[in-house]
């Protein structure tokens, strides 16, 4: 799944996670589980995702569920790319 790998790249680069990101899978919890992912990092991550995937993320699109797991973030990106 290219989206999973691409999302992991965005997470790793934006949050400076190093090799830890290689162990991430769709069930890996994000917000509240990764100390680097605070509210300011969410903004940076959204910007990185917009640039990487050439999508626009509106304020109304963002919810806690979006950043619950790597898989939920991937599904969000796939949904935005399809619309």
Protein backbone atom coordinates (compact mmCIF):
# COMPACT_ATOMS: atom_id res chain seq x y z
CA UNK A 1 0.00 0.00 0.00
CA UNK A 2 1.80 3.11 -1.26
CA UNK A 3 -0.29 5.41 0.93
CA UNK A 4 0.87 3.68 4.12
CA UNK A 5 4.50 4.08 3.15
CA UNK A 6 3.97 7.68 2.10
CA UNK A 7 2.13 8.53 5.33
CA UNK A 8 4.94 6.92 7.30
CA UNK A 9 7.45 9.11 5.43
CA UNK A 10 5.43 12.22 6.29
CA UNK A 11 5.19 11.18 9.93
CA UNK A 12 8.87 10.31 10.18
CA UNK A 13 10.13 13.48 8.54
CA UNK A 14 7.70 15.89 10.18
CA UNK A 15 8.05 14.46 13.69
CA UNK A 16 11.71 13.51 13.29
CA UNK A 17 11.01 9.95 14.43
CA UNK A 18 14.05 8.35 12.84
CA UNK A 19 13.92 4.58 12.47
CA UNK A 20 10.93 4.23 14.81
CA UNK A 21 8.60 4.96 11.90
CA UNK A 22 9.68 1.72 10.16
CA UNK A 23 7.88 -0.26 12.86
CA UNK A 24 4.58 1.55 12.32
CA UNK A 25 1.63 -0.37 10.90
CA UNK A 26 -2.03 0.62 10.42
CA UNK A 27 -2.85 -0.22 14.06
CA UNK A 28 -0.08 1.97 15.52
CA UNK A 29 -1.67 4.59 17.78
CA UNK A 30 -0.73 8.21 17.09
CA UNK A 31 -2.19 11.17 18.98
CA UNK A 32 -1.66 10.65 22.68
CA UNK A 33 0.82 7.80 22.13
CA UNK A 34 3.66 9.53 20.30
CA UNK A 35 5.06 12.36 22.45
CA UNK A 36 6.28 14.25 19.38
CA UNK A 37 2.72 14.49 18.02
CA UNK A 38 1.37 17.45 19.96
CA UNK A 39 -1.09 20.07 18.73
CA UNK A 40 1.62 22.11 17.00
CA UNK A 41 3.02 19.01 15.30
CA UNK A 42 -0.46 18.17 14.00
CA UNK A 43 -0.46 21.47 12.10
CA UNK A 44 2.98 20.71 10.65
CA UNK A 45 1.89 17.18 9.75
CA UNK A 46 -1.23 18.42 7.97
CA UNK A 47 0.90 20.82 5.94
CA UNK A 48 3.34 18.03 5.06
CA UNK A 49 0.46 15.75 4.00
CA UNK A 50 -1.08 18.49 1.87
CA UNK A 51 2.21 19.06 0.10
CA UNK A 52 3.17 15.40 -0.27
CA UNK A 53 -0.20 14.22 -1.58
CA UNK A 54 -1.23 17.47 -3.32
CA UNK A 55 -4.49 17.70 -1.38
CA UNK A 56 -6.24 20.42 0.59
CA UNK A 57 -7.28 19.71 4.17
CA UNK A 58 -10.05 21.95 5.42
CA UNK A 59 -10.48 22.74 9.12
CA UNK A 60 -13.76 20.82 9.09
CA UNK A 61 -11.93 17.70 7.86
CA UNK A 62 -9.83 17.39 10.98
CA UNK A 63 -10.93 15.35 13.97
CA UNK A 64 -9.30 13.40 16.75
CA UNK A 65 -10.33 10.20 14.96
CA UNK A 66 -8.23 11.19 11.93
CA UNK A 67 -5.08 11.05 14.05
CA UNK A 68 -6.08 8.06 16.19
CA UNK A 69 -3.92 5.51 14.33
CA UNK A 70 -1.65 5.32 11.32
CA UNK A 71 -4.45 3.44 9.55
CA UNK A 72 -7.04 6.14 10.26
CA UNK A 73 -4.65 8.75 8.91
CA UNK A 74 -4.08 6.64 5.78
CA UNK A 75 -7.83 6.24 5.25
CA UNK A 76 -8.24 10.01 5.61
CA UNK A 77 -5.55 10.65 2.98
CA UNK A 78 -7.04 8.06 0.62
CA UNK A 79 -10.48 9.65 1.02
CA UNK A 80 -9.10 13.15 0.30
CA UNK A 81 -7.18 11.91 -2.74
CA UNK A 82 -10.32 10.26 -4.12
CA UNK A 83 -12.46 13.38 -3.78
